[in-house]
Amino acid sequence: MMKKTALSQAEIKSIIPHREPMLLIDEVEEIIEGSSIKAKFFVDPVREIFKGHFPGEPVLPGVYTVECMAQASDILLLSMERYAGKIPYFIGIDKVKFMKKIEPGDTIEIHSNILNEKADKAIVTCCSKVFNKGELAATGEVTLAMR
């Protein structure tokens, strides 16, 4: 397994098809090909979503946290030669739990590793953990179909 470090936003954009405003990974700190990834996302307070979720007490919606899990997993998978250039379709979410809220201005760290791969069907499940200020904020499994 090859260990790579520090992918920039430009390098991330060369790997996954997501773009603003739905690109939710700012940098990759570490990626071990075919195994795991550690990525970061800055929760920018100027995002439109905070005008309505929730006024006066803004918090990152859980669906955005799960999307961060999926996008970190996308980068991990699309970095593998067999999936390079594919579109990662989000086909499943399982065992998601939220333990700590994520607020505007926070930088979250997403850790994801391959849990199960059905290579013949190009379907992969990844186990993800999201940390905020060093504390576990969310966990879950995301399943992606690489097409």
N, C-alpha and C. Protein backbone atom coordinates (compact mmCIF):
# COMPACT_ATOMS: atom_id res chain seq x y z
N MET A 1 0.84 -1.19 0.00
CA MET A 1 0.00 0.00 0.00
C MET A 1 0.88 1.24 0.00
N MET A 2 0.46 2.19 -0.82
CA MET A 2 1.24 3.41 -0.93
C MET A 2 0.62 4.52 -0.08
N LYS A 3 1.44 5.15 0.74
CA LYS A 3 0.97 6.24 1.60
C LYS A 3 1.29 7.56 0.92
N LYS A 4 0.27 8.40 0.78
CA LYS A 4 0.46 9.74 0.23
C LYS A 4 0.07 10.73 1.32
N THR A 5 0.62 11.89 1.25
CA THR A 5 0.24 12.90 2.23
C THR A 5 -0.16 14.18 1.52
N ALA A 6 -0.97 14.95 2.20
CA ALA A 6 -1.34 16.32 1.84
C ALA A 6 -1.74 16.53 0.38
N LEU A 7 -3.00 16.25 0.08
CA LEU A 7 -3.56 16.62 -1.21
C LEU A 7 -4.20 18.00 -1.07
N SER A 8 -3.89 18.88 -1.99
CA SER A 8 -4.48 20.22 -2.00
C SER A 8 -5.89 20.18 -2.59
N GLN A 9 -6.60 21.29 -2.49
CA GLN A 9 -7.94 21.37 -3.07
C GLN A 9 -7.89 21.15 -4.59
N ALA A 10 -6.87 21.67 -5.26
CA ALA A 10 -6.73 21.46 -6.71
C ALA A 10 -6.55 19.97 -7.02
N GLU A 11 -5.76 19.28 -6.22
CA GLU A 11 -5.56 17.84 -6.42
C GLU A 11 -6.85 17.06 -6.13
N ILE A 12 -7.58 17.49 -5.10
CA ILE A 12 -8.86 16.86 -4.77
C ILE A 12 -9.82 16.99 -5.96
N LYS A 13 -9.88 18.20 -6.54
CA LYS A 13 -10.77 18.43 -7.68
C LYS A 13 -10.35 17.62 -8.91
N SER A 14 -9.10 17.23 -8.98
CA SER A 14 -8.67 16.39 -10.11
C SER A 14 -9.08 14.94 -9.90
N ILE A 15 -9.51 14.59 -8.67
CA ILE A 15 -9.88 13.22 -8.34
C ILE A 15 -11.39 13.03 -8.31
N ILE A 16 -12.12 13.93 -7.61
CA ILE A 16 -13.58 13.76 -7.50
C ILE A 16 -14.31 14.80 -8.33
N PRO A 17 -15.54 14.49 -8.75
CA PRO A 17 -16.29 15.41 -9.61
C PRO A 17 -17.01 16.54 -8.87
N HIS A 18 -17.04 16.54 -7.56
CA HIS A 18 -17.77 17.54 -6.79
C HIS A 18 -17.16 18.93 -6.96
N ARG A 19 -18.02 19.93 -6.97
CA ARG A 19 -17.59 21.33 -7.06
C ARG A 19 -18.43 22.16 -6.10
N GLU A 20 -17.99 23.39 -5.83
CA GLU A 20 -18.71 24.28 -4.95
C GLU A 20 -20.12 24.51 -5.53
N PRO A 21 -21.14 24.59 -4.73
CA PRO A 21 -21.09 24.63 -3.26
C PRO A 21 -21.14 23.25 -2.59
N MET A 22 -21.09 22.17 -3.37
CA MET A 22 -21.20 20.84 -2.78
C MET A 22 -19.86 20.14 -2.55
N LEU A 23 -18.76 20.79 -2.81
CA LEU A 23 -17.47 20.21 -2.48
C LEU A 23 -17.24 20.44 -0.99
N LEU A 24 -17.20 19.37 -0.22
CA LEU A 24 -17.13 19.49 1.23
C LEU A 24 -15.85 18.90 1.83
N ILE A 25 -14.79 18.85 1.04
CA ILE A 25 -13.47 18.46 1.52
C ILE A 25 -12.49 19.54 1.07
N ASP A 26 -11.77 20.12 2.02
CA ASP A 26 -10.81 21.18 1.71
C ASP A 26 -9.40 20.65 1.48
N GLU A 27 -9.03 19.63 2.24
CA GLU A 27 -7.69 19.08 2.08
C GLU A 27 -7.66 17.64 2.57
N VAL A 28 -6.70 16.91 2.06
CA VAL A 28 -6.45 15.55 2.53
C VAL A 28 -5.11 15.57 3.23
N GLU A 29 -5.10 15.17 4.48
CA GLU A 29 -3.85 15.12 5.25
C GLU A 29 -3.07 13.86 4.96
N GLU A 30 -3.80 12.75 4.80
CA GLU A 30 -3.13 11.47 4.58
C GLU A 30 -4.07 10.53 3.85
N ILE A 31 -3.50 9.77 2.93
CA ILE A 31 -4.26 8.74 2.24
C ILE A 31 -3.35 7.53 2.08
N ILE A 32 -3.87 6.38 2.48
CA ILE A 32 -3.17 5.12 2.27
C ILE A 32 -3.97 4.38 1.22
N GLU A 33 -3.40 4.29 0.04
CA GLU A 33 -4.11 3.74 -1.12
C GLU A 33 -4.75 2.39 -0.82
N GLY A 34 -6.05 2.32 -1.14
CA GLY A 34 -6.79 1.07 -0.94
C GLY A 34 -7.13 0.76 0.49
N SER A 35 -6.89 1.71 1.41
CA SER A 35 -7.09 1.43 2.82
C SER A 35 -7.84 2.53 3.58
N SER A 36 -7.21 3.72 3.69
CA SER A 36 -7.79 4.75 4.55
C SER A 36 -7.42 6.16 4.10
N ILE A 37 -8.16 7.13 4.67
CA ILE A 37 -7.95 8.54 4.35
C ILE A 37 -8.25 9.38 5.59
N LYS A 38 -7.54 10.50 5.70
CA LYS A 38 -7.82 11.51 6.73
C LYS A 38 -7.93 12.84 6.00
N ALA A 39 -9.12 13.47 6.06
CA ALA A 39 -9.38 14.70 5.33
C ALA A 39 -9.96 15.76 6.27
N LYS A 40 -9.97 17.01 5.78
CA LYS A 40 -10.50 18.13 6.59
C LYS A 40 -11.50 18.96 5.79
N PHE A 41 -12.43 19.54 6.54
CA PHE A 41 -13.41 20.46 5.96
C PHE A 41 -13.63 21.62 6.92
N PHE A 42 -13.44 22.85 6.41
CA PHE A 42 -13.71 24.05 7.20
C PHE A 42 -15.17 24.42 7.00
N VAL A 43 -15.90 24.52 8.10
CA VAL A 43 -17.32 24.85 8.07
C VAL A 43 -17.45 26.37 8.03
N ASP A 44 -17.46 26.90 6.81
CA ASP A 44 -17.46 28.34 6.59
C ASP A 44 -18.76 28.97 7.07
N PRO A 45 -18.66 29.93 7.99
CA PRO A 45 -19.86 30.58 8.53
C PRO A 45 -20.71 31.32 7.49
N VAL A 46 -20.16 31.61 6.32
CA VAL A 46 -20.95 32.35 5.32
C VAL A 46 -21.81 31.44 4.44
N ARG A 47 -21.76 30.14 4.65
CA ARG A 47 -22.60 29.23 3.86
C ARG A 47 -24.07 29.58 4.03
N GLU A 48 -24.77 29.57 2.92
CA GLU A 48 -26.21 29.91 2.90
C GLU A 48 -27.04 29.06 3.86
N ILE A 49 -26.66 27.81 4.04
CA ILE A 49 -27.44 26.88 4.86
C ILE A 49 -27.66 27.40 6.28
N PHE A 50 -26.71 28.20 6.78
CA PHE A 50 -26.81 28.67 8.16
C PHE A 50 -27.86 29.76 8.36
N LYS A 51 -28.36 30.34 7.28
CA LYS A 51 -29.44 31.32 7.39
C LYS A 51 -30.73 30.65 7.88
N GLY A 52 -30.86 29.36 7.61
CA GLY A 52 -32.09 28.68 8.00
C GLY A 52 -31.89 27.50 8.92
N HIS A 53 -30.66 27.16 9.25
CA HIS A 53 -30.40 25.97 10.09
C HIS A 53 -29.41 26.29 11.18
N PHE A 54 -29.71 26.79 12.20
CA PHE A 54 -30.94 27.37 12.70
C PHE A 54 -30.65 28.82 13.02
N PRO A 55 -31.50 29.76 12.62
CA PRO A 55 -31.23 31.18 12.88
C PRO A 55 -31.00 31.42 14.38
N GLY A 56 -29.91 32.10 14.70
CA GLY A 56 -29.59 32.39 16.09
C GLY A 56 -28.84 31.27 16.79
N GLU A 57 -28.85 30.07 16.25
CA GLU A 57 -28.16 28.91 16.83
C GLU A 57 -27.71 27.98 15.70
N PRO A 58 -26.88 28.50 14.77
CA PRO A 58 -26.52 27.73 13.58
C PRO A 58 -25.72 26.46 13.90
N VAL A 59 -26.03 25.40 13.16
CA VAL A 59 -25.35 24.12 13.31
C VAL A 59 -25.30 23.47 11.93
N LEU A 60 -24.21 22.76 11.65
CA LEU A 60 -24.09 22.06 10.37
C LEU A 60 -25.11 20.92 10.34
N PRO A 61 -25.94 20.87 9.30
CA PRO A 61 -26.93 19.79 9.22
C PRO A 61 -26.24 18.42 9.16
N GLY A 62 -26.86 17.45 9.78
CA GLY A 62 -26.32 16.10 9.78
C GLY A 62 -26.10 15.54 8.39
N VAL A 63 -26.96 15.90 7.44
CA VAL A 63 -26.79 15.39 6.08
C VAL A 63 -25.49 15.91 5.47
N TYR A 64 -25.05 17.10 5.84
CA TYR A 64 -23.77 17.62 5.36
C TYR A 64 -22.62 16.82 5.98
N THR A 65 -22.75 16.46 7.24
CA THR A 65 -21.73 15.66 7.90
C THR A 65 -21.60 14.31 7.21
N VAL A 66 -22.72 13.69 6.89
CA VAL A 66 -22.71 12.40 6.18
C VAL A 66 -22.12 12.58 4.78
N GLU A 67 -22.44 13.69 4.12
CA GLU A 67 -21.86 13.95 2.79
C GLU A 67 -20.34 14.11 2.89
N CYS A 68 -19.85 14.71 3.96
CA CYS A 68 -18.40 14.80 4.17
C CYS A 68 -17.79 13.40 4.26
N MET A 69 -18.48 12.50 4.97
CA MET A 69 -18.02 11.11 5.07
C MET A 69 -17.94 10.49 3.67
N ALA A 70 -18.98 10.70 2.89
CA ALA A 70 -19.04 10.12 1.55
C ALA A 70 -17.95 10.70 0.65
N GLN A 71 -17.74 12.01 0.70
CA GLN A 71 -16.74 12.62 -0.17
C GLN A 71 -15.32 12.21 0.20
N ALA A 72 -15.03 12.08 1.48
CA ALA A 72 -13.71 11.58 1.87
C ALA A 72 -13.53 10.16 1.33
N SER A 73 -14.58 9.35 1.45
CA SER A 73 -14.54 7.99 0.91
C SER A 73 -14.39 8.00 -0.60
N ASP A 74 -15.08 8.94 -1.27
CA ASP A 74 -14.94 9.07 -2.73
C ASP A 74 -13.48 9.29 -3.13
N ILE A 75 -12.82 10.18 -2.43
CA ILE A 75 -11.41 10.48 -2.75
C ILE A 75 -10.56 9.23 -2.56
N LEU A 76 -10.79 8.54 -1.45
CA LEU A 76 -10.06 7.30 -1.18
C LEU A 76 -10.24 6.31 -2.32
N LEU A 77 -11.47 6.11 -2.75
CA LEU A 77 -11.75 5.11 -3.78
C LEU A 77 -11.30 5.55 -5.17
N LEU A 78 -11.58 6.80 -5.53
CA LEU A 78 -11.22 7.28 -6.86
C LEU A 78 -9.72 7.43 -7.03
N SER A 79 -8.98 7.38 -5.95
CA SER A 79 -7.52 7.40 -6.02
C SER A 79 -6.96 6.04 -6.42
N MET A 80 -7.81 5.03 -6.35
CA MET A 80 -7.40 3.68 -6.74
C MET A 80 -7.55 3.54 -8.25
N GLU A 81 -6.56 2.92 -8.88
CA GLU A 81 -6.54 2.82 -10.34
C GLU A 81 -7.83 2.23 -10.91
N ARG A 82 -8.39 1.22 -10.26
CA ARG A 82 -9.58 0.56 -10.82
C ARG A 82 -10.83 1.44 -10.79
N TYR A 83 -10.83 2.49 -9.99
CA TYR A 83 -12.00 3.38 -9.92
C TYR A 83 -11.73 4.79 -10.46
N ALA A 84 -10.51 5.07 -10.83
CA ALA A 84 -10.15 6.41 -11.32
C ALA A 84 -11.05 6.82 -12.48
N GLY A 85 -11.58 8.04 -12.41
CA GLY A 85 -12.42 8.57 -13.47
C GLY A 85 -13.88 8.16 -13.40
N LYS A 86 -14.24 7.34 -12.43
CA LYS A 86 -15.64 6.91 -12.27
C LYS A 86 -16.45 7.98 -11.54
N ILE A 87 -17.77 7.84 -11.59
CA ILE A 87 -18.65 8.69 -10.79
C ILE A 87 -19.06 7.88 -9.56
N PRO A 88 -18.84 8.44 -8.35
CA PRO A 88 -19.20 7.72 -7.13
C PRO A 88 -20.65 8.02 -6.74
N TYR A 89 -21.53 7.06 -6.92
CA TYR A 89 -22.93 7.26 -6.53
C TYR A 89 -23.13 6.75 -5.11
N PHE A 90 -23.73 7.61 -4.30
CA PHE A 90 -24.00 7.34 -2.90
C PHE A 90 -25.24 6.45 -2.86
N ILE A 91 -25.09 5.18 -2.47
CA ILE A 91 -26.24 4.27 -2.51
C ILE A 91 -26.68 3.75 -1.15
N GLY A 92 -25.96 4.09 -0.09
CA GLY A 92 -26.39 3.61 1.21
C GLY A 92 -25.73 4.32 2.38
N ILE A 93 -26.48 4.40 3.46
CA ILE A 93 -26.02 4.99 4.72
C ILE A 93 -26.47 4.04 5.82
N ASP A 94 -25.58 3.72 6.73
CA ASP A 94 -25.94 2.79 7.79
C ASP A 94 -25.23 3.17 9.08
N LYS A 95 -25.85 2.87 10.19
CA LYS A 95 -25.26 3.02 11.53
C LYS A 95 -24.73 4.42 11.81
N VAL A 96 -25.41 5.45 11.32
CA VAL A 96 -24.95 6.82 11.55
C VAL A 96 -25.40 7.29 12.93
N LYS A 97 -24.45 7.88 13.66
CA LYS A 97 -24.74 8.44 14.98
C LYS A 97 -24.03 9.78 15.08
N PHE A 98 -24.71 10.74 15.71
CA PHE A 98 -24.15 12.07 15.93
C PHE A 98 -23.96 12.26 17.43
N MET A 99 -22.74 12.65 17.82
CA MET A 99 -22.42 12.79 19.23
C MET A 99 -22.11 14.23 19.66
N LYS A 100 -21.70 15.06 18.72
CA LYS A 100 -21.27 16.43 19.07
C LYS A 100 -21.67 17.33 17.91
N LYS A 101 -22.24 18.48 18.22
CA LYS A 101 -22.64 19.36 17.13
C LYS A 101 -21.44 20.03 16.48
N ILE A 102 -21.63 20.37 15.22
CA ILE A 102 -20.61 21.03 14.43
C ILE A 102 -21.14 22.40 14.07
N GLU A 103 -20.39 23.43 14.44
CA GLU A 103 -20.86 24.80 14.28
C GLU A 103 -20.06 25.56 13.22
N PRO A 104 -20.64 26.66 12.72
CA PRO A 104 -19.89 27.49 11.78
C PRO A 104 -18.55 27.89 12.38
N GLY A 105 -17.50 27.83 11.56
CA GLY A 105 -16.16 28.18 12.02
C GLY A 105 -15.35 26.98 12.46
N ASP A 106 -16.00 25.84 12.67
CA ASP A 106 -15.26 24.63 13.05
C ASP A 106 -14.55 24.04 11.84
N THR A 107 -13.47 23.34 12.09
CA THR A 107 -12.81 22.53 11.06
C THR A 107 -12.92 21.10 11.52
N ILE A 108 -13.62 20.29 10.72
CA ILE A 108 -13.79 18.89 11.10
C ILE A 108 -12.78 18.02 10.38
N GLU A 109 -12.47 16.89 11.01
CA GLU A 109 -11.53 15.94 10.44
C GLU A 109 -12.30 14.64 10.18
N ILE A 110 -12.21 14.14 8.96
CA ILE A 110 -12.94 12.95 8.55
C ILE A 110 -11.95 11.82 8.34
N HIS A 111 -12.17 10.71 9.02
CA HIS A 111 -11.36 9.51 8.86
C HIS A 111 -12.25 8.45 8.22
N SER A 112 -11.79 7.86 7.15
CA SER A 112 -12.60 6.84 6.49
C SER A 112 -11.70 5.69 6.06
N ASN A 113 -12.22 4.49 6.21
CA ASN A 113 -11.47 3.32 5.75
C ASN A 113 -12.41 2.33 5.08
N ILE A 114 -11.85 1.57 4.15
CA ILE A 114 -12.64 0.59 3.42
C ILE A 114 -13.02 -0.54 4.37
N LEU A 115 -14.32 -0.80 4.44
CA LEU A 115 -14.85 -1.85 5.31
C LEU A 115 -15.14 -3.12 4.51
N ASN A 116 -15.74 -2.94 3.32
CA ASN A 116 -16.14 -4.07 2.49
C ASN A 116 -16.15 -3.65 1.03
N GLU A 117 -15.58 -4.45 0.17
CA GLU A 117 -15.57 -4.14 -1.25
C GLU A 117 -16.06 -5.33 -2.05
N LYS A 118 -17.05 -5.08 -2.90
CA LYS A 118 -17.52 -6.07 -3.86
C LYS A 118 -16.97 -5.62 -5.21
N ALA A 119 -15.72 -5.98 -5.47
CA ALA A 119 -15.02 -5.49 -6.65
C ALA A 119 -15.73 -5.86 -7.95
N ASP A 120 -16.35 -7.03 -7.99
CA ASP A 120 -17.04 -7.45 -9.20
C ASP A 120 -18.24 -6.56 -9.54
N LYS A 121 -18.82 -5.92 -8.53
CA LYS A 121 -19.95 -5.01 -8.73
C LYS A 121 -19.55 -3.54 -8.56
N ALA A 122 -18.29 -3.29 -8.22
CA ALA A 122 -17.77 -1.96 -7.97
C ALA A 122 -18.60 -1.23 -6.91
N ILE A 123 -18.90 -1.94 -5.83
CA ILE A 123 -19.65 -1.38 -4.70
C ILE A 123 -18.76 -1.49 -3.46
N VAL A 124 -18.58 -0.35 -2.78
CA VAL A 124 -17.68 -0.32 -1.64
C VAL A 124 -18.36 0.35 -0.45
N THR A 125 -18.22 -0.26 0.73
CA THR A 125 -18.71 0.34 1.96
C THR A 125 -17.50 0.81 2.76
N CYS A 126 -17.59 2.05 3.24
CA CYS A 126 -16.52 2.63 4.05
C CYS A 126 -17.07 2.99 5.43
N CYS A 127 -16.25 2.79 6.43
CA CYS A 127 -16.57 3.18 7.80
C CYS A 127 -15.92 4.54 8.04
N SER A 128 -16.71 5.50 8.52
CA SER A 128 -16.19 6.85 8.71
C SER A 128 -16.39 7.35 10.14
N LYS A 129 -15.46 8.19 10.55
CA LYS A 129 -15.56 8.88 11.83
C LYS A 129 -15.25 10.35 11.58
N VAL A 130 -16.04 11.22 12.20
CA VAL A 130 -15.84 12.66 12.07
C VAL A 130 -15.47 13.21 13.44
N PHE A 131 -14.37 13.96 13.47
CA PHE A 131 -13.90 14.55 14.72
C PHE A 131 -14.01 16.07 14.65
N ASN A 132 -14.41 16.67 15.75
CA ASN A 132 -14.48 18.12 15.87
C ASN A 132 -13.76 18.51 17.15
N LYS A 133 -12.71 19.31 17.00
CA LYS A 133 -11.89 19.74 18.14
C LYS A 133 -11.36 18.54 18.91
N GLY A 134 -10.98 17.49 18.16
CA GLY A 134 -10.39 16.30 18.76
C GLY A 134 -11.38 15.31 19.36
N GLU A 135 -12.67 15.66 19.35
CA GLU A 135 -13.69 14.79 19.93
C GLU A 135 -14.52 14.15 18.83
N LEU A 136 -14.92 12.91 19.04
CA LEU A 136 -15.74 12.20 18.08
C LEU A 136 -17.10 12.90 17.94
N ALA A 137 -17.42 13.34 16.73
CA ALA A 137 -18.67 14.08 16.50
C ALA A 137 -19.72 13.22 15.79
N ALA A 138 -19.29 12.27 14.95
CA ALA A 138 -20.23 11.42 14.21
C ALA A 138 -19.51 10.18 13.71
N THR A 139 -20.28 9.12 13.55
CA THR A 139 -19.76 7.89 12.96
C THR A 139 -20.82 7.35 12.00
N GLY A 140 -20.38 6.53 11.07
CA GLY A 140 -21.33 5.91 10.17
C GLY A 140 -20.65 5.13 9.07
N GLU A 141 -21.46 4.42 8.32
CA GLU A 141 -20.98 3.67 7.17
C GLU A 141 -21.67 4.23 5.92
N VAL A 142 -20.89 4.43 4.87
CA VAL A 142 -21.43 4.90 3.59
C VAL A 142 -21.09 3.87 2.52
N THR A 143 -22.06 3.61 1.65
CA THR A 143 -21.84 2.67 0.56
C THR A 143 -21.93 3.41 -0.76
N LEU A 144 -20.96 3.16 -1.62
CA LEU A 144 -20.83 3.87 -2.88
C LEU A 144 -20.75 2.87 -4.03
N ALA A 145 -21.42 3.22 -5.13
CA ALA A 145 -21.32 2.44 -6.37
C ALA A 145 -20.48 3.26 -7.33
N MET A 146 -19.42 2.66 -7.80
CA MET A 146 -18.50 3.36 -8.68
C MET A 146 -18.90 3.06 -10.14
N ARG A 147 -19.41 4.08 -10.83
CA ARG A 147 -19.92 3.87 -12.20
C ARG A 147 -19.28 4.77 -13.20
